[in-house]
Amino acid sequence: MRTWISHRREVSASFTGGGVQGEGVLAEVERALGVQFPSDYRAFIASRGGVDEFVPPAGDFLSIYAQGRLIEVNAAAEAAERFPGGVIIGG
């Protein structure tokens, strides 16, 4: 039986969701989407770049998009029209 820690290491090693792209990219995303992200989200994205993994105990899949995908995802979902003032950051 795999432990949560070993599973997390495997997922982190295989993650290719855009990686850490720096403060400049996140500032560009904020300008494009007309928002300012909270400092805790900014710190998380700056350190991780995004997440795609199963979360215990239920084993649900969590996806938090890397900053390089945010503009594309929000445009495709028509988020500004469907959710005024909202931004899709994951699924």
PDB file of N, CA and C in Angstrom:
ATOM      1  N   MET A   1       0.839  -1.181   0.000  1.00  0.00           N
ATOM      2  CA  MET A   1       0.000   0.000   0.000  1.00  0.00           C
ATOM      3  C   MET A   1       0.883   1.244   0.000  1.00  0.00           C
ATOM      4  N   ARG A   2       0.593   2.159  -0.928  1.00  0.00           N
ATOM      5  CA  ARG A   2       1.374   3.390  -0.994  1.00  0.00           C
ATOM      6  C   ARG A   2       0.903   4.369   0.069  1.00  0.00           C
ATOM      7  N   THR A   3       1.832   5.098   0.603  1.00  0.00           N
ATOM      8  CA  THR A   3       1.463   6.131   1.558  1.00  0.00           C
ATOM      9  C   THR A   3       1.153   7.409   0.806  1.00  0.00           C
ATOM     10  N   TRP A   4       0.476   8.332   1.479  1.00  0.00           N
ATOM     11  CA  TRP A   4       0.150   9.627   0.878  1.00  0.00           C
ATOM     12  C   TRP A   4       1.420  10.357   0.454  1.00  0.00           C
ATOM     13  N   ILE A   5       2.456  10.300   1.253  1.00  0.00           N
ATOM     14  CA  ILE A   5       3.697  11.019   0.932  1.00  0.00           C
ATOM     15  C   ILE A   5       4.338  10.452  -0.326  1.00  0.00           C
ATOM     16  N   SER A   6       4.423   9.144  -0.439  1.00  0.00           N
ATOM     17  CA  SER A   6       5.046   8.573  -1.631  1.00  0.00           C
ATOM     18  C   SER A   6       4.199   8.854  -2.872  1.00  0.00           C
ATOM     19  N   HIS A   7       2.879   8.801  -2.726  1.00  0.00           N
ATOM     20  CA  HIS A   7       1.998   9.130  -3.844  1.00  0.00           C
ATOM     21  C   HIS A   7       2.198  10.577  -4.277  1.00  0.00           C
ATOM     22  N   ARG A   8       2.281  11.470  -3.314  1.00  0.00           N
ATOM     23  CA  ARG A   8       2.454  12.893  -3.616  1.00  0.00           C
ATOM     24  C   ARG A   8       3.772  13.130  -4.349  1.00  0.00           C
ATOM     25  N   ARG A   9       4.818  12.446  -3.951  1.00  0.00           N
ATOM     26  CA  ARG A   9       6.114  12.578  -4.635  1.00  0.00           C
ATOM     27  C   ARG A   9       6.006  12.117  -6.084  1.00  0.00           C
ATOM     28  N   GLU A  10       5.311  11.020  -6.311  1.00  0.00           N
ATOM     29  CA  GLU A  10       5.140  10.517  -7.672  1.00  0.00           C
ATOM     30  C   GLU A  10       4.373  11.515  -8.532  1.00  0.00           C
ATOM     31  N   VAL A  11       3.293  12.046  -7.986  1.00  0.00           N
ATOM     32  CA  VAL A  11       2.496  13.009  -8.738  1.00  0.00           C
ATOM     33  C   VAL A  11       3.311  14.262  -9.012  1.00  0.00           C
ATOM     34  N   SER A  12       4.005  14.780  -8.018  1.00  0.00           N
ATOM     35  CA  SER A  12       4.804  15.987  -8.192  1.00  0.00           C
ATOM     36  C   SER A  12       5.891  15.793  -9.230  1.00  0.00           C
ATOM     37  N   ALA A  13       6.498  14.623  -9.248  1.00  0.00           N
ATOM     38  CA  ALA A  13       7.568  14.349 -10.201  1.00  0.00           C
ATOM     39  C   ALA A  13       7.043  14.274 -11.628  1.00  0.00           C
ATOM     40  N   SER A  14       5.781  13.874 -11.791  1.00  0.00           N
ATOM     41  CA  SER A  14       5.238  13.721 -13.135  1.00  0.00           C
ATOM     42  C   SER A  14       4.418  14.926 -13.592  1.00  0.00           C
ATOM     43  N   PHE A  15       4.228  15.916 -12.751  1.00  0.00           N
ATOM     44  CA  PHE A  15       3.389  17.055 -13.085  1.00  0.00           C
ATOM     45  C   PHE A  15       4.042  17.910 -14.158  1.00  0.00           C
ATOM     46  N   THR A  16       3.271  18.230 -15.194  1.00  0.00           N
ATOM     47  CA  THR A  16       3.775  19.079 -16.274  1.00  0.00           C
ATOM     48  C   THR A  16       2.777  20.181 -16.579  1.00  0.00           C
ATOM     49  N   GLY A  17       2.132  20.727 -15.580  1.00  0.00           N
ATOM     50  CA  GLY A  17       1.072  21.697 -15.785  1.00  0.00           C
ATOM     51  C   GLY A  17       1.519  23.117 -16.030  1.00  0.00           C
ATOM     52  N   GLY A  18       2.697  23.361 -16.485  1.00  0.00           N
ATOM     53  CA  GLY A  18       3.135  24.700 -16.802  1.00  0.00           C
ATOM     54  C   GLY A  18       4.232  25.186 -15.894  1.00  0.00           C
ATOM     55  N   GLY A  19       4.365  24.556 -14.754  1.00  0.00           N
ATOM     56  CA  GLY A  19       5.461  24.886 -13.849  1.00  0.00           C
ATOM     57  C   GLY A  19       5.407  26.284 -13.291  1.00  0.00           C
ATOM     58  N   VAL A  20       6.397  26.593 -12.491  1.00  0.00           N
ATOM     59  CA  VAL A  20       6.512  27.905 -11.883  1.00  0.00           C
ATOM     60  C   VAL A  20       7.011  28.862 -12.954  1.00  0.00           C
ATOM     61  N   GLN A  21       6.266  29.939 -13.188  1.00  0.00           N
ATOM     62  CA  GLN A  21       6.599  30.836 -14.278  1.00  0.00           C
ATOM     63  C   GLN A  21       6.986  32.235 -13.827  1.00  0.00           C
ATOM     64  N   GLY A  22       6.906  32.520 -12.571  1.00  0.00           N
ATOM     65  CA  GLY A  22       7.364  33.804 -12.077  1.00  0.00           C
ATOM     66  C   GLY A  22       6.269  34.839 -11.892  1.00  0.00           C
ATOM     67  N   GLU A  23       6.646  35.857 -11.156  1.00  0.00           N
ATOM     68  CA  GLU A  23       5.726  36.930 -10.785  1.00  0.00           C
ATOM     69  C   GLU A  23       5.238  37.714 -11.995  1.00  0.00           C
ATOM     70  N   GLY A  24       6.097  37.874 -12.995  1.00  0.00           N
ATOM     71  CA  GLY A  24       5.713  38.640 -14.185  1.00  0.00           C
ATOM     72  C   GLY A  24       4.548  38.029 -14.931  1.00  0.00           C
ATOM     73  N   VAL A  25       4.546  36.712 -15.053  1.00  0.00           N
ATOM     74  CA  VAL A  25       3.459  36.027 -15.751  1.00  0.00           C
ATOM     75  C   VAL A  25       2.163  36.185 -14.969  1.00  0.00           C
ATOM     76  N   LEU A  26       2.224  36.037 -13.661  1.00  0.00           N
ATOM     77  CA  LEU A  26       1.016  36.179 -12.847  1.00  0.00           C
ATOM     78  C   LEU A  26       0.479  37.604 -12.909  1.00  0.00           C
ATOM     79  N   ALA A  27       1.348  38.598 -12.928  1.00  0.00           N
ATOM     80  CA  ALA A  27       0.913  39.994 -13.066  1.00  0.00           C
ATOM     81  C   ALA A  27       0.239  40.216 -14.420  1.00  0.00           C
ATOM     82  N   GLU A  28       0.760  39.595 -15.452  1.00  0.00           N
ATOM     83  CA  GLU A  28       0.161  39.678 -16.785  1.00  0.00           C
ATOM     84  C   GLU A  28      -1.236  39.051 -16.797  1.00  0.00           C
ATOM     85  N   VAL A  29      -1.377  37.916 -16.131  1.00  0.00           N
ATOM     86  CA  VAL A  29      -2.675  37.242 -16.033  1.00  0.00           C
ATOM     87  C   VAL A  29      -3.666  38.132 -15.288  1.00  0.00           C
ATOM     88  N   GLU A  30      -3.228  38.739 -14.194  1.00  0.00           N
ATOM     89  CA  GLU A  30      -4.106  39.632 -13.425  1.00  0.00           C
ATOM     90  C   GLU A  30      -4.590  40.787 -14.297  1.00  0.00           C
ATOM     91  N   ARG A  31      -3.683  41.385 -15.060  1.00  0.00           N
ATOM     92  CA  ARG A  31      -4.080  42.494 -15.949  1.00  0.00           C
ATOM     93  C   ARG A  31      -5.083  42.019 -16.991  1.00  0.00           C
ATOM     94  N   ALA A  32      -4.810  40.880 -17.603  1.00  0.00           N
ATOM     95  CA  ALA A  32      -5.686  40.364 -18.651  1.00  0.00           C
ATOM     96  C   ALA A  32      -7.081  40.022 -18.136  1.00  0.00           C
ATOM     97  N   LEU A  33      -7.150  39.508 -16.906  1.00  0.00           N
ATOM     98  CA  LEU A  33      -8.441  39.103 -16.342  1.00  0.00           C
ATOM     99  C   LEU A  33      -9.090  40.201 -15.502  1.00  0.00           C
ATOM    100  N   GLY A  34      -8.355  41.299 -15.272  1.00  0.00           N
ATOM    101  CA  GLY A  34      -8.911  42.420 -14.503  1.00  0.00           C
ATOM    102  C   GLY A  34      -9.111  42.101 -13.036  1.00  0.00           C
ATOM    103  N   VAL A  35      -8.188  41.333 -12.455  1.00  0.00           N
ATOM    104  CA  VAL A  35      -8.289  40.951 -11.046  1.00  0.00           C
ATOM    105  C   VAL A  35      -6.941  41.124 -10.365  1.00  0.00           C
ATOM    106  N   GLN A  36      -6.967  41.062  -9.042  1.00  0.00           N
ATOM    107  CA  GLN A  36      -5.742  40.950  -8.259  1.00  0.00           C
ATOM    108  C   GLN A  36      -5.940  39.760  -7.335  1.00  0.00           C
ATOM    109  N   PHE A  37      -5.078  38.764  -7.491  1.00  0.00           N
ATOM    110  CA  PHE A  37      -5.208  37.547  -6.701  1.00  0.00           C
ATOM    111  C   PHE A  37      -4.769  37.780  -5.261  1.00  0.00           C
ATOM    112  N   PRO A  38      -5.370  37.059  -4.308  1.00  0.00           N
ATOM    113  CA  PRO A  38      -4.958  37.161  -2.901  1.00  0.00           C
ATOM    114  C   PRO A  38      -3.509  36.709  -2.720  1.00  0.00           C
ATOM    115  N   SER A  39      -2.872  37.232  -1.707  1.00  0.00           N
ATOM    116  CA  SER A  39      -1.453  36.945  -1.481  1.00  0.00           C
ATOM    117  C   SER A  39      -1.188  35.455  -1.238  1.00  0.00           C
ATOM    118  N   ASP A  40      -2.104  34.744  -0.572  1.00  0.00           N
ATOM    119  CA  ASP A  40      -1.865  33.315  -0.329  1.00  0.00           C
ATOM    120  C   ASP A  40      -1.909  32.518  -1.634  1.00  0.00           C
ATOM    121  N   TYR A  41      -2.810  32.873  -2.544  1.00  0.00           N
ATOM    122  CA  TYR A  41      -2.869  32.212  -3.844  1.00  0.00           C
ATOM    123  C   TYR A  41      -1.607  32.534  -4.648  1.00  0.00           C
ATOM    124  N   ARG A  42      -1.187  33.797  -4.638  1.00  0.00           N
ATOM    125  CA  ARG A  42       0.024  34.215  -5.353  1.00  0.00           C
ATOM    126  C   ARG A  42       1.243  33.428  -4.847  1.00  0.00           C
ATOM    127  N   ALA A  43       1.354  33.270  -3.526  1.00  0.00           N
ATOM    128  CA  ALA A  43       2.479  32.540  -2.941  1.00  0.00           C
ATOM    129  C   ALA A  43       2.436  31.068  -3.350  1.00  0.00           C
ATOM    130  N   PHE A  44       1.246  30.475  -3.331  1.00  0.00           N
ATOM    131  CA  PHE A  44       1.100  29.074  -3.724  1.00  0.00           C
ATOM    132  C   PHE A  44       1.511  28.877  -5.176  1.00  0.00           C
ATOM    133  N   ILE A  45       0.990  29.690  -6.062  1.00  0.00           N
ATOM    134  CA  ILE A  45       1.292  29.564  -7.489  1.00  0.00           C
ATOM    135  C   ILE A  45       2.776  29.834  -7.751  1.00  0.00           C
ATOM    136  N   ALA A  46       3.350  30.798  -7.033  1.00  0.00           N
ATOM    137  CA  ALA A  46       4.773  31.090  -7.205  1.00  0.00           C
ATOM    138  C   ALA A  46       5.643  29.913  -6.780  1.00  0.00           C
ATOM    139  N   SER A  47       5.202  29.162  -5.783  1.00  0.00           N
ATOM    140  CA  SER A  47       6.012  28.047  -5.296  1.00  0.00           C
ATOM    141  C   SER A  47       5.728  26.737  -6.019  1.00  0.00           C
ATOM    142  N   ARG A  48       4.497  26.522  -6.474  1.00  0.00           N
ATOM    143  CA  ARG A  48       4.123  25.233  -7.077  1.00  0.00           C
ATOM    144  C   ARG A  48       3.858  25.306  -8.571  1.00  0.00           C
ATOM    145  N   GLY A  49       3.346  26.423  -9.050  1.00  0.00           N
ATOM    146  CA  GLY A  49       3.017  26.535 -10.461  1.00  0.00           C
ATOM    147  C   GLY A  49       1.653  25.963 -10.812  1.00  0.00           C
ATOM    148  N   GLY A  50       1.114  25.121  -9.998  1.00  0.00           N
ATOM    149  CA  GLY A  50      -0.174  24.477 -10.242  1.00  0.00           C
ATOM    150  C   GLY A  50      -0.180  23.102  -9.605  1.00  0.00           C
ATOM    151  N   VAL A  51      -1.330  22.455  -9.642  1.00  0.00           N
ATOM    152  CA  VAL A  51      -1.485  21.137  -9.020  1.00  0.00           C
ATOM    153  C   VAL A  51      -2.421  20.294  -9.869  1.00  0.00           C
ATOM    154  N   ASP A  52      -2.089  19.053 -10.044  1.00  0.00           N
ATOM    155  CA  ASP A  52      -2.958  18.029 -10.620  1.00  0.00           C
ATOM    156  C   ASP A  52      -2.705  16.773  -9.809  1.00  0.00           C
ATOM    157  N   GLU A  53      -3.586  16.472  -8.870  1.00  0.00           N
ATOM    158  CA  GLU A  53      -3.352  15.296  -8.028  1.00  0.00           C
ATOM    159  C   GLU A  53      -4.619  14.836  -7.323  1.00  0.00           C
ATOM    160  N   PHE A  54      -4.566  13.593  -6.851  1.00  0.00           N
ATOM    161  CA  PHE A  54      -5.650  13.044  -6.052  1.00  0.00           C
ATOM    162  C   PHE A  54      -5.446  13.471  -4.602  1.00  0.00           C
ATOM    163  N   VAL A  55      -6.552  13.839  -3.950  1.00  0.00           N
ATOM    164  CA  VAL A  55      -6.489  14.360  -2.587  1.00  0.00           C
ATOM    165  C   VAL A  55      -7.202  13.402  -1.645  1.00  0.00           C
ATOM    166  N   PRO A  56      -6.492  12.930  -0.616  1.00  0.00           N
ATOM    167  CA  PRO A  56      -7.129  12.044   0.350  1.00  0.00           C
ATOM    168  C   PRO A  56      -8.039  12.844   1.289  1.00  0.00           C
ATOM    169  N   PRO A  57      -8.915  12.275   2.019  1.00  0.00           N
ATOM    170  CA  PRO A  57      -9.099  10.833   2.136  1.00  0.00           C
ATOM    171  C   PRO A  57     -10.029  10.264   1.068  1.00  0.00           C
ATOM    172  N   ALA A  58     -10.815  11.105   0.403  1.00  0.00           N
ATOM    173  CA  ALA A  58     -11.793  10.588  -0.561  1.00  0.00           C
ATOM    174  C   ALA A  58     -11.165  10.202  -1.888  1.00  0.00           C
ATOM    175  N   GLY A  59      -9.984  10.721  -2.181  1.00  0.00           N
ATOM    176  CA  GLY A  59      -9.334  10.402  -3.445  1.00  0.00           C
ATOM    177  C   GLY A  59      -9.861  11.219  -4.608  1.00  0.00           C
ATOM    178  N   ASP A  60     -10.508  12.360  -4.311  1.00  0.00           N
ATOM    179  CA  ASP A  60     -10.991  13.233  -5.372  1.00  0.00           C
ATOM    180  C   ASP A  60      -9.809  13.873  -6.088  1.00  0.00           C
ATOM    181  N   PHE A  61      -9.993  14.168  -7.368  1.00  0.00           N
ATOM    182  CA  PHE A  61      -8.923  14.768  -8.154  1.00  0.00           C
ATOM    183  C   PHE A  61      -9.034  16.280  -8.082  1.00  0.00           C
ATOM    184  N   LEU A  62      -7.930  16.948  -7.792  1.00  0.00           N
ATOM    185  CA  LEU A  62      -7.881  18.401  -7.688  1.00  0.00           C
ATOM    186  C   LEU A  62      -6.952  18.941  -8.757  1.00  0.00           C
ATOM    187  N   SER A  63      -7.413  19.955  -9.455  1.00  0.00           N
ATOM    188  CA  SER A  63      -6.587  20.626 -10.452  1.00  0.00           C
ATOM    189  C   SER A  63      -6.626  22.124 -10.181  1.00  0.00           C
ATOM    190  N   ILE A  64      -5.467  22.698  -9.901  1.00  0.00           N
ATOM    191  CA  ILE A  64      -5.320  24.153  -9.806  1.00  0.00           C
ATOM    192  C   ILE A  64      -4.384  24.528 -10.940  1.00  0.00           C
ATOM    193  N   TYR A  65      -4.900  25.308 -11.872  1.00  0.00           N
ATOM    194  CA  TYR A  65      -4.177  25.581 -13.100  1.00  0.00           C
ATOM    195  C   TYR A  65      -2.942  26.437 -12.877  1.00  0.00           C
ATOM    196  N   ALA A  66      -1.881  26.129 -13.642  1.00  0.00           N
ATOM    197  CA  ALA A  66      -0.690  26.971 -13.669  1.00  0.00           C
ATOM    198  C   ALA A  66      -1.063  28.312 -14.298  1.00  0.00           C
ATOM    199  N   GLN A  67      -0.339  29.365 -13.916  1.00  0.00           N
ATOM    200  CA  GLN A  67      -0.698  30.701 -14.368  1.00  0.00           C
ATOM    201  C   GLN A  67      -0.718  30.839 -15.881  1.00  0.00           C
ATOM    202  N   GLY A  68       0.070  30.070 -16.587  1.00  0.00           N
ATOM    203  CA  GLY A  68       0.090  30.139 -18.044  1.00  0.00           C
ATOM    204  C   GLY A  68      -1.184  29.649 -18.707  1.00  0.00           C
ATOM    205  N   ARG A  69      -2.035  28.937 -17.976  1.00  0.00           N
ATOM    206  CA  ARG A  69      -3.296  28.415 -18.529  1.00  0.00           C
ATOM    207  C   ARG A  69      -4.511  29.255 -18.153  1.00  0.00           C
ATOM    208  N   LEU A  70      -4.376  30.166 -17.212  1.00  0.00           N
ATOM    209  CA  LEU A  70      -5.545  30.862 -16.677  1.00  0.00           C
ATOM    210  C   LEU A  70      -6.294  31.698 -17.713  1.00  0.00           C
ATOM    211  N   ILE A  71      -5.585  32.425 -18.550  1.00  0.00           N
ATOM    212  CA  ILE A  71      -6.251  33.262 -19.552  1.00  0.00           C
ATOM    213  C   ILE A  71      -7.012  32.387 -20.536  1.00  0.00           C
ATOM    214  N   GLU A  72      -6.358  31.342 -21.032  1.00  0.00           N
ATOM    215  CA  GLU A  72      -6.960  30.417 -21.988  1.00  0.00           C
ATOM    216  C   GLU A  72      -8.216  29.744 -21.423  1.00  0.00           C
ATOM    217  N   VAL A  73      -8.122  29.246 -20.201  1.00  0.00           N
ATOM    218  CA  VAL A  73      -9.246  28.547 -19.571  1.00  0.00           C
ATOM    219  C   VAL A  73     -10.423  29.497 -19.356  1.00  0.00           C
ATOM    220  N   ASN A  74     -10.151  30.692 -18.858  1.00  0.00           N
ATOM    221  CA  ASN A  74     -11.230  31.639 -18.590  1.00  0.00           C
ATOM    222  C   ASN A  74     -11.877  32.138 -19.876  1.00  0.00           C
ATOM    223  N   ALA A  75     -11.101  32.301 -20.939  1.00  0.00           N
ATOM    224  CA  ALA A  75     -11.664  32.704 -22.228  1.00  0.00           C
ATOM    225  C   ALA A  75     -12.545  31.598 -22.798  1.00  0.00           C
ATOM    226  N   ALA A  76     -12.054  30.367 -22.771  1.00  0.00           N
ATOM    227  CA  ALA A  76     -12.809  29.238 -23.310  1.00  0.00           C
ATOM    228  C   ALA A  76     -14.120  29.018 -22.561  1.00  0.00           C
ATOM    229  N   ALA A  77     -14.115  29.262 -21.264  1.00  0.00           N
ATOM    230  CA  ALA A  77     -15.316  29.065 -20.441  1.00  0.00           C
ATOM    231  C   ALA A  77     -16.234  30.280 -20.432  1.00  0.00           C
ATOM    232  N   GLU A  78     -15.800  31.350 -21.109  1.00  0.00           N
ATOM    233  CA  GLU A  78     -16.556  32.608 -21.099  1.00  0.00           C
ATOM    234  C   GLU A  78     -16.856  33.032 -19.665  1.00  0.00           C
ATOM    235  N   ALA A  79     -15.843  32.902 -18.813  1.00  0.00           N
ATOM    236  CA  ALA A  79     -16.011  33.155 -17.379  1.00  0.00           C
ATOM    237  C   ALA A  79     -16.451  34.583 -17.084  1.00  0.00           C
ATOM    238  N   ALA A  80     -15.900  35.565 -17.782  1.00  0.00           N
ATOM    239  CA  ALA A  80     -16.257  36.964 -17.507  1.00  0.00           C
ATOM    240  C   ALA A  80     -17.745  37.220 -17.745  1.00  0.00           C
ATOM    241  N   GLU A  81     -18.304  36.574 -18.763  1.00  0.00           N
ATOM    242  CA  GLU A  81     -19.730  36.751 -19.067  1.00  0.00           C
ATOM    243  C   GLU A  81     -20.615  35.920 -18.144  1.00  0.00           C
ATOM    244  N   ARG A  82     -20.174  34.704 -17.867  1.00  0.00           N
ATOM    245  CA  ARG A  82     -20.978  33.791 -17.070  1.00  0.00           C
ATOM    246  C   ARG A  82     -20.881  34.036 -15.567  1.00  0.00           C
ATOM    247  N   PHE A  83     -19.708  34.496 -15.114  1.00  0.00           N
ATOM    248  CA  PHE A  83     -19.459  34.704 -13.692  1.00  0.00           C
ATOM    249  C   PHE A  83     -18.800  36.070 -13.497  1.00  0.00           C
ATOM    250  N   PRO A  84     -19.549  37.168 -13.688  1.00  0.00           N
ATOM    251  CA  PRO A  84     -18.940  38.502 -13.573  1.00  0.00           C
ATOM    252  C   PRO A  84     -18.184  38.672 -12.251  1.00  0.00           C
ATOM    253  N   GLY A  85     -16.927  39.116 -12.356  1.00  0.00           N
ATOM    254  CA  GLY A  85     -16.100  39.303 -11.170  1.00  0.00           C
ATOM    255  C   GLY A  85     -15.402  38.046 -10.700  1.00  0.00           C
ATOM    256  N   GLY A  86     -15.693  36.905 -11.322  1.00  0.00           N
ATOM    257  CA  GLY A  86     -15.099  35.630 -10.939  1.00  0.00           C
ATOM    258  C   GLY A  86     -14.000  35.204 -11.899  1.00  0.00           C
ATOM    259  N   VAL A  87     -13.129  34.350 -11.429  1.00  0.00           N
ATOM    260  CA  VAL A  87     -12.045  33.796 -12.234  1.00  0.00           C
ATOM    261  C   VAL A  87     -11.959  32.306 -11.950  1.00  0.00           C
ATOM    262  N   ILE A  88     -11.861  31.509 -12.990  1.00  0.00           N
ATOM    263  CA  ILE A  88     -11.691  30.071 -12.826  1.00  0.00           C
ATOM    264  C   ILE A  88     -10.203  29.795 -12.636  1.00  0.00           C
ATOM    265  N   ILE A  89      -9.851  29.175 -11.498  1.00  0.00           N
ATOM    266  CA  ILE A  89      -8.445  28.873 -11.222  1.00  0.00           C
ATOM    267  C   ILE A  89      -8.158  27.377 -11.219  1.00  0.00           C
ATOM    268  N   GLY A  90      -9.184  26.548 -11.351  1.00  0.00           N
ATOM    269  CA  GLY A  90      -8.969  25.109 -11.338  1.00  0.00           C
ATOM    270  C   GLY A  90     -10.282  24.371 -11.508  1.00  0.00           C
ATOM    271  N   GLY A  91     -10.189  23.069 -11.377  1.00  0.00           N
ATOM    272  CA  GLY A  91     -11.388  22.269 -11.562  1.00  0.00           C
ATOM    273  C   GLY A  91     -11.313  20.981 -10.810  1.00  0.00           C
TER     274      GLY A  91
END
